Protein backbone atom coordinates (compact mmCIF):
# COMPACT_ATOMS: atom_id res chain seq x y z
CA UNK A 1 -40.96 -42.81 300.42
CA UNK A 2 -42.67 -41.56 303.55
CA UNK A 3 -44.11 -38.04 303.31
CA UNK A 4 -44.95 -35.95 306.40
CA UNK A 5 -46.83 -32.69 305.81
CA UNK A 6 -47.37 -30.26 308.66
CA UNK A 7 -48.61 -26.71 308.88
CA UNK A 8 -47.53 -23.71 310.90
CA UNK A 9 -50.38 -21.20 311.35
CA UNK A 10 -52.34 -23.13 308.73
CA UNK A 11 -54.55 -26.18 308.72
CA UNK A 12 -53.33 -28.74 306.20
CA UNK A 13 -56.41 -29.86 304.28
CA UNK A 14 -56.73 -33.10 302.38
CA UNK A 15 -56.48 -31.37 299.01
CA UNK A 16 -53.35 -29.49 300.07
CA UNK A 17 -51.75 -32.71 301.35
CA UNK A 18 -52.69 -34.49 298.10
CA UNK A 19 -51.15 -31.67 296.04
CA UNK A 20 -47.87 -31.88 297.96
CA UNK A 21 -47.73 -35.68 297.65
CA UNK A 22 -48.46 -35.56 293.91
CA UNK A 23 -45.70 -33.01 293.32
CA UNK A 24 -43.17 -34.90 295.45
CA UNK A 25 -43.74 -38.14 293.50
CA UNK A 26 -41.90 -36.45 290.65
CA UNK A 27 -38.69 -36.51 292.71
CA UNK A 28 -38.56 -40.31 292.67
CA UNK A 29 -37.99 -40.26 288.91
CA UNK A 30 -34.53 -38.77 289.45
CA UNK A 31 -33.56 -40.35 292.75
CA UNK A 32 -35.28 -43.52 293.94
CA UNK A 33 -33.50 -43.85 297.29
CA UNK A 34 -35.50 -41.20 299.16
CA UNK A 35 -36.50 -42.55 302.55
CA UNK A 36 -38.36 -39.68 304.19
CA UNK A 37 -39.66 -36.23 303.26
CA UNK A 38 -40.81 -33.69 305.85
CA UNK A 39 -42.70 -30.68 304.47
CA UNK A 40 -43.69 -27.65 306.54
CA UNK A 41 -46.18 -25.15 305.14
CA UNK A 42 -46.26 -21.71 306.79
CA UNK A 43 -48.39 -18.61 306.54
CA UNK A 44 -46.46 -15.47 307.44
CA UNK A 45 -47.17 -11.75 307.26
CA UNK A 46 -45.23 -11.19 304.05
CA UNK A 47 -46.30 -14.32 302.18
CA UNK A 48 -46.65 -18.05 302.27
CA UNK A 49 -43.71 -20.35 302.66
CA UNK A 50 -43.02 -24.01 301.99
CA UNK A 51 -39.91 -25.83 303.22
CA UNK A 52 -38.85 -29.44 303.04
CA UNK A 53 -36.14 -31.76 304.29
CA UNK A 54 -35.40 -34.92 302.33
CA UNK A 55 -33.52 -37.79 303.92
CA UNK A 56 -31.42 -39.78 301.48
CA UNK A 57 -28.51 -42.13 301.75
CA UNK A 58 -25.50 -39.93 302.45
CA UNK A 59 -27.26 -36.98 304.08
CA UNK A 60 -30.16 -34.58 304.05
CA UNK A 61 -31.32 -32.07 301.46
CA UNK A 62 -33.14 -28.90 302.53
CA UNK A 63 -34.95 -26.30 300.45
CA UNK A 64 -37.46 -23.54 301.01
CA UNK A 65 -39.57 -21.32 298.78
CA UNK A 66 -41.77 -18.31 299.41
CA UNK A 67 -44.57 -16.82 297.35
CA UNK A 68 -47.90 -15.01 297.69
CA UNK A 69 -49.68 -18.23 296.72
CA UNK A 70 -49.02 -21.42 298.71
CA UNK A 71 -49.43 -23.64 295.64
CA UNK A 72 -46.84 -21.58 293.76
CA UNK A 73 -44.48 -21.88 296.75
CA UNK A 74 -44.91 -25.68 296.68
CA UNK A 75 -44.15 -25.75 292.95
CA UNK A 76 -40.99 -23.68 293.43
CA UNK A 77 -39.97 -25.87 296.36
CA UNK A 78 -40.27 -29.07 294.34
CA UNK A 79 -38.27 -27.52 291.49
CA UNK A 80 -35.46 -26.62 293.92
CA UNK A 81 -35.48 -30.09 295.46
CA UNK A 82 -35.43 -31.67 292.00
CA UNK A 83 -32.34 -29.69 291.00
CA UNK A 84 -30.58 -30.54 294.26
CA UNK A 85 -31.35 -34.26 293.90
CA UNK A 86 -30.00 -34.33 290.35
CA UNK A 87 -26.85 -32.57 291.55
CA UNK A 88 -26.47 -35.03 294.44
CA UNK A 89 -26.94 -38.00 292.10
CA UNK A 90 -24.23 -36.66 289.80
CA UNK A 91 -21.87 -36.25 292.75
CA UNK A 92 -22.50 -39.84 293.82
CA UNK A 93 -21.95 -41.08 290.26
CA UNK A 94 -18.68 -39.11 289.94
CA UNK A 95 -17.50 -40.35 293.32
CA UNK A 96 -18.17 -43.99 292.41
CA UNK A 97 -16.45 -43.56 289.04
CA UNK A 98 -13.32 -42.18 290.71
CA UNK A 99 -13.24 -45.13 293.10
CA UNK A 100 -13.31 -47.66 290.26
CA UNK A 101 -10.50 -45.90 288.37
CA UNK A 102 -8.05 -46.19 291.24
């Protein structure tokens, strides 16, 4: 899994990049066919925002999260991505099961 972390109005430090990579490793437990992850961290007037696009076989998954703390936004983002990956995996499993029944 290739992880790209970029910042918008923020400098992405080594510790911030390491935190994002550590959190995203958790996603591979549920779905091991992730090819690329692009994370954008933003600082805005109202708060701090994290968004990510995951490329998997069969499409892309996008999520975003906003919080006063950037680390909390990253945690919420990974939770959203985790739920979406589990849902996508279930869809793929159901689709394959229907094909074998026919």
